[in-house]
Amino acid sequence: MSGAQRAWLARGLEQPGGKLPLFDRDGQKFSDRTVRSCIRHGFAEPWFDNPIKPDWLVCRLTDKGRIALAA
């Protein structure tokens, strides 16, 4: 797991339901590459479609992601 992936996934530990943020603490959008890689590895999953911004992928942390962060 890369540092960028770990940083993004760790933010889900702080949120109800494991919701993962779209933006980092500096207001920059997380890389689509990071998000899609985490989904491919099963660390995150798409949660719901955003009708206002359909190009934004709203995700949540999976159990596999929680285990990977704890390792």
PDB file of N, CA and C in Angstrom:
ATOM      1  N   MET A   1       0.849  -1.168   0.000  1.00  0.00           N
ATOM      2  CA  MET A   1       0.000   0.000   0.000  1.00  0.00           C
ATOM      3  C   MET A   1       0.900   1.238   0.000  1.00  0.00           C
ATOM      4  N   SER A   2       0.585   2.162  -0.878  1.00  0.00           N
ATOM      5  CA  SER A   2       1.400   3.378  -0.978  1.00  0.00           C
ATOM      6  C   SER A   2       1.050   4.351   0.150  1.00  0.00           C
ATOM      7  N   GLY A   3       1.899   5.331   0.326  1.00  0.00           N
ATOM      8  CA  GLY A   3       1.647   6.358   1.329  1.00  0.00           C
ATOM      9  C   GLY A   3       0.380   7.139   1.032  1.00  0.00           C
ATOM     10  N   ALA A   4       0.146   7.428  -0.249  1.00  0.00           N
ATOM     11  CA  ALA A   4      -1.059   8.163  -0.645  1.00  0.00           C
ATOM     12  C   ALA A   4      -2.314   7.338  -0.357  1.00  0.00           C
ATOM     13  N   GLN A   5      -2.243   6.043  -0.642  1.00  0.00           N
ATOM     14  CA  GLN A   5      -3.387   5.169  -0.361  1.00  0.00           C
ATOM     15  C   GLN A   5      -3.653   5.110   1.140  1.00  0.00           C
ATOM     16  N   ARG A   6      -2.601   4.925   1.916  1.00  0.00           N
ATOM     17  CA  ARG A   6      -2.743   4.842   3.375  1.00  0.00           C
ATOM     18  C   ARG A   6      -3.338   6.139   3.932  1.00  0.00           C
ATOM     19  N   ALA A   7      -2.863   7.279   3.449  1.00  0.00           N
ATOM     20  CA  ALA A   7      -3.364   8.570   3.932  1.00  0.00           C
ATOM     21  C   ALA A   7      -4.850   8.727   3.630  1.00  0.00           C
ATOM     22  N   TRP A   8      -5.257   8.344   2.419  1.00  0.00           N
ATOM     23  CA  TRP A   8      -6.667   8.467   2.034  1.00  0.00           C
ATOM     24  C   TRP A   8      -7.536   7.515   2.852  1.00  0.00           C
ATOM     25  N   LEU A   9      -7.125   6.256   2.929  1.00  0.00           N
ATOM     26  CA  LEU A   9      -7.918   5.256   3.643  1.00  0.00           C
ATOM     27  C   LEU A   9      -8.023   5.562   5.135  1.00  0.00           C
ATOM     28  N   ALA A  10      -6.956   6.067   5.732  1.00  0.00           N
ATOM     29  CA  ALA A  10      -6.958   6.371   7.169  1.00  0.00           C
ATOM     30  C   ALA A  10      -8.012   7.410   7.517  1.00  0.00           C
ATOM     31  N   ARG A  11      -8.307   8.291   6.593  1.00  0.00           N
ATOM     32  CA  ARG A  11      -9.336   9.305   6.844  1.00  0.00           C
ATOM     33  C   ARG A  11     -10.706   8.667   7.040  1.00  0.00           C
ATOM     34  N   GLY A  12     -10.927   7.495   6.442  1.00  0.00           N
ATOM     35  CA  GLY A  12     -12.194   6.790   6.606  1.00  0.00           C
ATOM     36  C   GLY A  12     -12.405   6.259   8.008  1.00  0.00           C
ATOM     37  N   LEU A  13     -11.324   6.088   8.759  1.00  0.00           N
ATOM     38  CA  LEU A  13     -11.444   5.611  10.136  1.00  0.00           C
ATOM     39  C   LEU A  13     -12.113   6.651  11.029  1.00  0.00           C
ATOM     40  N   GLU A  14     -12.050   7.912  10.620  1.00  0.00           N
ATOM     41  CA  GLU A  14     -12.583   9.022  11.414  1.00  0.00           C
ATOM     42  C   GLU A  14     -14.042   9.325  11.107  1.00  0.00           C
ATOM     43  N   GLN A  15     -14.594   8.724  10.061  1.00  0.00           N
ATOM     44  CA  GLN A  15     -15.914   9.109   9.570  1.00  0.00           C
ATOM     45  C   GLN A  15     -16.971   8.032   9.809  1.00  0.00           C
ATOM     46  N   PRO A  16     -18.210   8.448  10.070  1.00  0.00           N
ATOM     47  CA  PRO A  16     -19.293   7.477  10.211  1.00  0.00           C
ATOM     48  C   PRO A  16     -19.422   6.633   8.945  1.00  0.00           C
ATOM     49  N   GLY A  17     -19.549   5.341   9.119  1.00  0.00           N
ATOM     50  CA  GLY A  17     -19.699   4.444   7.983  1.00  0.00           C
ATOM     51  C   GLY A  17     -18.437   4.257   7.171  1.00  0.00           C
ATOM     52  N   GLY A  18     -17.330   4.855   7.622  1.00  0.00           N
ATOM     53  CA  GLY A  18     -16.076   4.728   6.886  1.00  0.00           C
ATOM     54  C   GLY A  18     -16.021   5.559   5.619  1.00  0.00           C
ATOM     55  N   LYS A  19     -16.849   6.623   5.547  1.00  0.00           N
ATOM     56  CA  LYS A  19     -16.875   7.471   4.349  1.00  0.00           C
ATOM     57  C   LYS A  19     -15.488   8.046   4.093  1.00  0.00           C
ATOM     58  N   LEU A  20     -15.060   7.920   2.852  1.00  0.00           N
ATOM     59  CA  LEU A  20     -13.745   8.432   2.458  1.00  0.00           C
ATOM     60  C   LEU A  20     -13.897   9.809   1.824  1.00  0.00           C
ATOM     61  N   PRO A  21     -12.984  10.718   2.130  1.00  0.00           N
ATOM     62  CA  PRO A  21     -13.107  12.092   1.647  1.00  0.00           C
ATOM     63  C   PRO A  21     -12.773  12.222   0.164  1.00  0.00           C
ATOM     64  N   LEU A  22     -13.345  13.234  -0.434  1.00  0.00           N
ATOM     65  CA  LEU A  22     -13.015  13.565  -1.818  1.00  0.00           C
ATOM     66  C   LEU A  22     -11.763  14.431  -1.876  1.00  0.00           C
ATOM     67  N   PHE A  23     -11.522  15.195  -0.791  1.00  0.00           N
ATOM     68  CA  PHE A  23     -10.432  16.164  -0.767  1.00  0.00           C
ATOM     69  C   PHE A  23      -9.530  15.941   0.443  1.00  0.00           C
ATOM     70  N   ASP A  24      -8.249  16.282   0.287  1.00  0.00           N
ATOM     71  CA  ASP A  24      -7.320  16.173   1.410  1.00  0.00           C
ATOM     72  C   ASP A  24      -7.506  17.372   2.344  1.00  0.00           C
ATOM     73  N   ARG A  25      -6.738  17.420   3.403  1.00  0.00           N
ATOM     74  CA  ARG A  25      -6.888  18.482   4.409  1.00  0.00           C
ATOM     75  C   ARG A  25      -6.517  19.867   3.870  1.00  0.00           C
ATOM     76  N   ASP A  26      -5.819  19.910   2.734  1.00  0.00           N
ATOM     77  CA  ASP A  26      -5.461  21.182   2.103  1.00  0.00           C
ATOM     78  C   ASP A  26      -6.456  21.584   1.022  1.00  0.00           C
ATOM     79  N   GLY A  27      -7.525  20.792   0.851  1.00  0.00           N
ATOM     80  CA  GLY A  27      -8.550  21.118  -0.134  1.00  0.00           C
ATOM     81  C   GLY A  27      -8.274  20.603  -1.535  1.00  0.00           C
ATOM     82  N   GLN A  28      -7.237  19.781  -1.688  1.00  0.00           N
ATOM     83  CA  GLN A  28      -6.906  19.222  -2.999  1.00  0.00           C
ATOM     84  C   GLN A  28      -7.634  17.892  -3.182  1.00  0.00           C
ATOM     85  N   LYS A  29      -8.186  17.684  -4.381  1.00  0.00           N
ATOM     86  CA  LYS A  29      -8.894  16.438  -4.674  1.00  0.00           C
ATOM     87  C   LYS A  29      -7.906  15.276  -4.646  1.00  0.00           C
ATOM     88  N   PHE A  30      -8.313  14.174  -4.006  1.00  0.00           N
ATOM     89  CA  PHE A  30      -7.469  12.983  -4.017  1.00  0.00           C
ATOM     90  C   PHE A  30      -7.378  12.459  -5.440  1.00  0.00           C
ATOM     91  N   SER A  31      -6.248  11.905  -5.791  1.00  0.00           N
ATOM     92  CA  SER A  31      -5.990  11.391  -7.130  1.00  0.00           C
ATOM     93  C   SER A  31      -6.957  10.262  -7.478  1.00  0.00           C
ATOM     94  N   ASP A  32      -7.536  10.337  -8.682  1.00  0.00           N
ATOM     95  CA  ASP A  32      -8.398   9.252  -9.162  1.00  0.00           C
ATOM     96  C   ASP A  32      -7.623   7.945  -9.216  1.00  0.00           C
ATOM     97  N   ARG A  33      -6.350   8.041  -9.525  1.00  0.00           N
ATOM     98  CA  ARG A  33      -5.505   6.839  -9.586  1.00  0.00           C
ATOM     99  C   ARG A  33      -5.423   6.163  -8.215  1.00  0.00           C
ATOM    100  N   THR A  34      -5.261   6.953  -7.174  1.00  0.00           N
ATOM    101  CA  THR A  34      -5.215   6.422  -5.806  1.00  0.00           C
ATOM    102  C   THR A  34      -6.544   5.772  -5.446  1.00  0.00           C
ATOM    103  N   VAL A  35      -7.636   6.472  -5.723  1.00  0.00           N
ATOM    104  CA  VAL A  35      -8.972   5.973  -5.395  1.00  0.00           C
ATOM    105  C   VAL A  35      -9.247   4.665  -6.130  1.00  0.00           C
ATOM    106  N   ARG A  36      -9.010   4.640  -7.433  1.00  0.00           N
ATOM    107  CA  ARG A  36      -9.306   3.436  -8.229  1.00  0.00           C
ATOM    108  C   ARG A  36      -8.404   2.266  -7.846  1.00  0.00           C
ATOM    109  N   SER A  37      -7.175   2.543  -7.480  1.00  0.00           N
ATOM    110  CA  SER A  37      -6.271   1.483  -7.039  1.00  0.00           C
ATOM    111  C   SER A  37      -6.782   0.857  -5.740  1.00  0.00           C
ATOM    112  N   CYS A  38      -7.249   1.683  -4.820  1.00  0.00           N
ATOM    113  CA  CYS A  38      -7.791   1.164  -3.561  1.00  0.00           C
ATOM    114  C   CYS A  38      -9.039   0.321  -3.810  1.00  0.00           C
ATOM    115  N   ILE A  39      -9.860   0.728  -4.755  1.00  0.00           N
ATOM    116  CA  ILE A  39     -11.048  -0.057  -5.099  1.00  0.00           C
ATOM    117  C   ILE A  39     -10.627  -1.396  -5.695  1.00  0.00           C
ATOM    118  N   ARG A  40      -9.670  -1.378  -6.610  1.00  0.00           N
ATOM    119  CA  ARG A  40      -9.194  -2.628  -7.237  1.00  0.00           C
ATOM    120  C   ARG A  40      -8.637  -3.607  -6.208  1.00  0.00           C
ATOM    121  N   HIS A  41      -7.968  -3.088  -5.186  1.00  0.00           N
ATOM    122  CA  HIS A  41      -7.388  -3.946  -4.148  1.00  0.00           C
ATOM    123  C   HIS A  41      -8.411  -4.352  -3.080  1.00  0.00           C
ATOM    124  N   GLY A  42      -9.616  -3.812  -3.162  1.00  0.00           N
ATOM    125  CA  GLY A  42     -10.658  -4.153  -2.194  1.00  0.00           C
ATOM    126  C   GLY A  42     -10.578  -3.381  -0.893  1.00  0.00           C
ATOM    127  N   PHE A  43      -9.741  -2.336  -0.837  1.00  0.00           N
ATOM    128  CA  PHE A  43      -9.598  -1.529   0.375  1.00  0.00           C
ATOM    129  C   PHE A  43     -10.743  -0.521   0.528  1.00  0.00           C
ATOM    130  N   ALA A  44     -11.371  -0.172  -0.578  1.00  0.00           N
ATOM    131  CA  ALA A  44     -12.479   0.782  -0.599  1.00  0.00           C
ATOM    132  C   ALA A  44     -13.508   0.282  -1.602  1.00  0.00           C
ATOM    133  N   GLU A  45     -14.730   0.810  -1.471  1.00  0.00           N
ATOM    134  CA  GLU A  45     -15.778   0.452  -2.423  1.00  0.00           C
ATOM    135  C   GLU A  45     -16.624   1.685  -2.712  1.00  0.00           C
ATOM    136  N   PRO A  46     -17.151   1.781  -3.931  1.00  0.00           N
ATOM    137  CA  PRO A  46     -18.068   2.882  -4.222  1.00  0.00           C
ATOM    138  C   PRO A  46     -19.267   2.791  -3.279  1.00  0.00           C
ATOM    139  N   TRP A  47     -19.699   3.943  -2.773  1.00  0.00           N
ATOM    140  CA  TRP A  47     -20.776   3.945  -1.794  1.00  0.00           C
ATOM    141  C   TRP A  47     -22.092   4.354  -2.440  1.00  0.00           C
ATOM    142  N   PHE A  48     -22.102   5.488  -3.111  1.00  0.00           N
ATOM    143  CA  PHE A  48     -23.317   5.930  -3.797  1.00  0.00           C
ATOM    144  C   PHE A  48     -22.941   6.915  -4.890  1.00  0.00           C
ATOM    145  N   ASP A  49     -23.873   7.121  -5.812  1.00  0.00           N
ATOM    146  CA  ASP A  49     -23.664   8.080  -6.896  1.00  0.00           C
ATOM    147  C   ASP A  49     -24.018   9.473  -6.397  1.00  0.00           C
ATOM    148  N   ASN A  50     -23.235  10.442  -6.817  1.00  0.00           N
ATOM    149  CA  ASN A  50     -23.472  11.832  -6.460  1.00  0.00           C
ATOM    150  C   ASN A  50     -24.195  12.492  -7.634  1.00  0.00           C
ATOM    151  N   PRO A  51     -25.506  12.749  -7.518  1.00  0.00           N
ATOM    152  CA  PRO A  51     -26.251  13.310  -8.650  1.00  0.00           C
ATOM    153  C   PRO A  51     -25.806  14.724  -9.032  1.00  0.00           C
ATOM    154  N   ILE A  52     -25.258  15.458  -8.083  1.00  0.00           N
ATOM    155  CA  ILE A  52     -24.817  16.829  -8.369  1.00  0.00           C
ATOM    156  C   ILE A  52     -23.485  16.822  -9.112  1.00  0.00           C
ATOM    157  N   LYS A  53     -22.592  15.916  -8.731  1.00  0.00           N
ATOM    158  CA  LYS A  53     -21.268  15.790  -9.360  1.00  0.00           C
ATOM    159  C   LYS A  53     -21.054  14.322  -9.736  1.00  0.00           C
ATOM    160  N   PRO A  54     -21.626  13.868 -10.844  1.00  0.00           N
ATOM    161  CA  PRO A  54     -21.533  12.442 -11.194  1.00  0.00           C
ATOM    162  C   PRO A  54     -20.109  11.951 -11.446  1.00  0.00           C
ATOM    163  N   ASP A  55     -19.161  12.855 -11.699  1.00  0.00           N
ATOM    164  CA  ASP A  55     -17.776  12.434 -11.931  1.00  0.00           C
ATOM    165  C   ASP A  55     -17.009  12.221 -10.622  1.00  0.00           C
ATOM    166  N   TRP A  56     -17.612  12.579  -9.482  1.00  0.00           N
ATOM    167  CA  TRP A  56     -16.982  12.355  -8.182  1.00  0.00           C
ATOM    168  C   TRP A  56     -17.368  10.973  -7.682  1.00  0.00           C
ATOM    169  N   LEU A  57     -16.377  10.186  -7.318  1.00  0.00           N
ATOM    170  CA  LEU A  57     -16.590   8.826  -6.850  1.00  0.00           C
ATOM    171  C   LEU A  57     -16.610   8.826  -5.317  1.00  0.00           C
ATOM    172  N   VAL A  58     -17.801   8.678  -4.739  1.00  0.00           N
ATOM    173  CA  VAL A  58     -17.954   8.666  -3.284  1.00  0.00           C
ATOM    174  C   VAL A  58     -17.765   7.231  -2.805  1.00  0.00           C
ATOM    175  N   CYS A  59     -16.792   7.030  -1.922  1.00  0.00           N
ATOM    176  CA  CYS A  59     -16.425   5.676  -1.488  1.00  0.00           C
ATOM    177  C   CYS A  59     -16.433   5.556   0.024  1.00  0.00           C
ATOM    178  N   ARG A  60     -16.372   4.305   0.466  1.00  0.00           N
ATOM    179  CA  ARG A  60     -16.220   4.026   1.889  1.00  0.00           C
ATOM    180  C   ARG A  60     -15.169   2.947   2.077  1.00  0.00           C
ATOM    181  N   LEU A  61     -14.624   2.931   3.255  1.00  0.00           N
ATOM    182  CA  LEU A  61     -13.602   1.973   3.646  1.00  0.00           C
ATOM    183  C   LEU A  61     -14.234   0.593   3.822  1.00  0.00           C
ATOM    184  N   THR A  62     -13.578  -0.444   3.337  1.00  0.00           N
ATOM    185  CA  THR A  62     -14.065  -1.814   3.509  1.00  0.00           C
ATOM    186  C   THR A  62     -13.385  -2.458   4.716  1.00  0.00           C
ATOM    187  N   ASP A  63     -13.890  -3.621   5.108  1.00  0.00           N
ATOM    188  CA  ASP A  63     -13.238  -4.367   6.192  1.00  0.00           C
ATOM    189  C   ASP A  63     -11.809  -4.723   5.804  1.00  0.00           C
ATOM    190  N   LYS A  64     -11.605  -5.082   4.542  1.00  0.00           N
ATOM    191  CA  LYS A  64     -10.252  -5.405   4.069  1.00  0.00           C
ATOM    192  C   LYS A  64      -9.341  -4.183   4.200  1.00  0.00           C
ATOM    193  N   GLY A  65      -9.870  -3.002   3.923  1.00  0.00           N
ATOM    194  CA  GLY A  65      -9.098  -1.774   4.075  1.00  0.00           C
ATOM    195  C   GLY A  65      -8.732  -1.506   5.522  1.00  0.00           C
ATOM    196  N   ARG A  66      -9.670  -1.753   6.430  1.00  0.00           N
ATOM    197  CA  ARG A  66      -9.402  -1.570   7.864  1.00  0.00           C
ATOM    198  C   ARG A  66      -8.293  -2.518   8.331  1.00  0.00           C
ATOM    199  N   ILE A  67      -8.356  -3.760   7.867  1.00  0.00           N
ATOM    200  CA  ILE A  67      -7.338  -4.754   8.237  1.00  0.00           C
ATOM    201  C   ILE A  67      -5.974  -4.339   7.692  1.00  0.00           C
ATOM    202  N   ALA A  68      -5.947  -3.871   6.443  1.00  0.00           N
ATOM    203  CA  ALA A  68      -4.682  -3.450   5.828  1.00  0.00           C
ATOM    204  C   ALA A  68      -4.078  -2.268   6.578  1.00  0.00           C
ATOM    205  N   LEU A  69      -4.912  -1.350   7.037  1.00  0.00           N
ATOM    206  CA  LEU A  69      -4.407  -0.201   7.793  1.00  0.00           C
ATOM    207  C   LEU A  69      -3.853  -0.619   9.151  1.00  0.00           C
ATOM    208  N   ALA A  70      -4.436  -1.646   9.738  1.00  0.00           N
ATOM    209  CA  ALA A  70      -3.992  -2.109  11.056  1.00  0.00           C
ATOM    210  C   ALA A  70      -2.689  -2.896  10.982  1.00  0.00           C
ATOM    211  N   ALA A  71      -2.339  -3.382   9.794  1.00  0.00           N
ATOM    212  CA  ALA A  71      -1.130  -4.219   9.633  1.00  0.00           C
ATOM    213  C   ALA A  71       0.141  -3.397   9.722  1.00  0.00           C
TER     214      ALA A  71
END
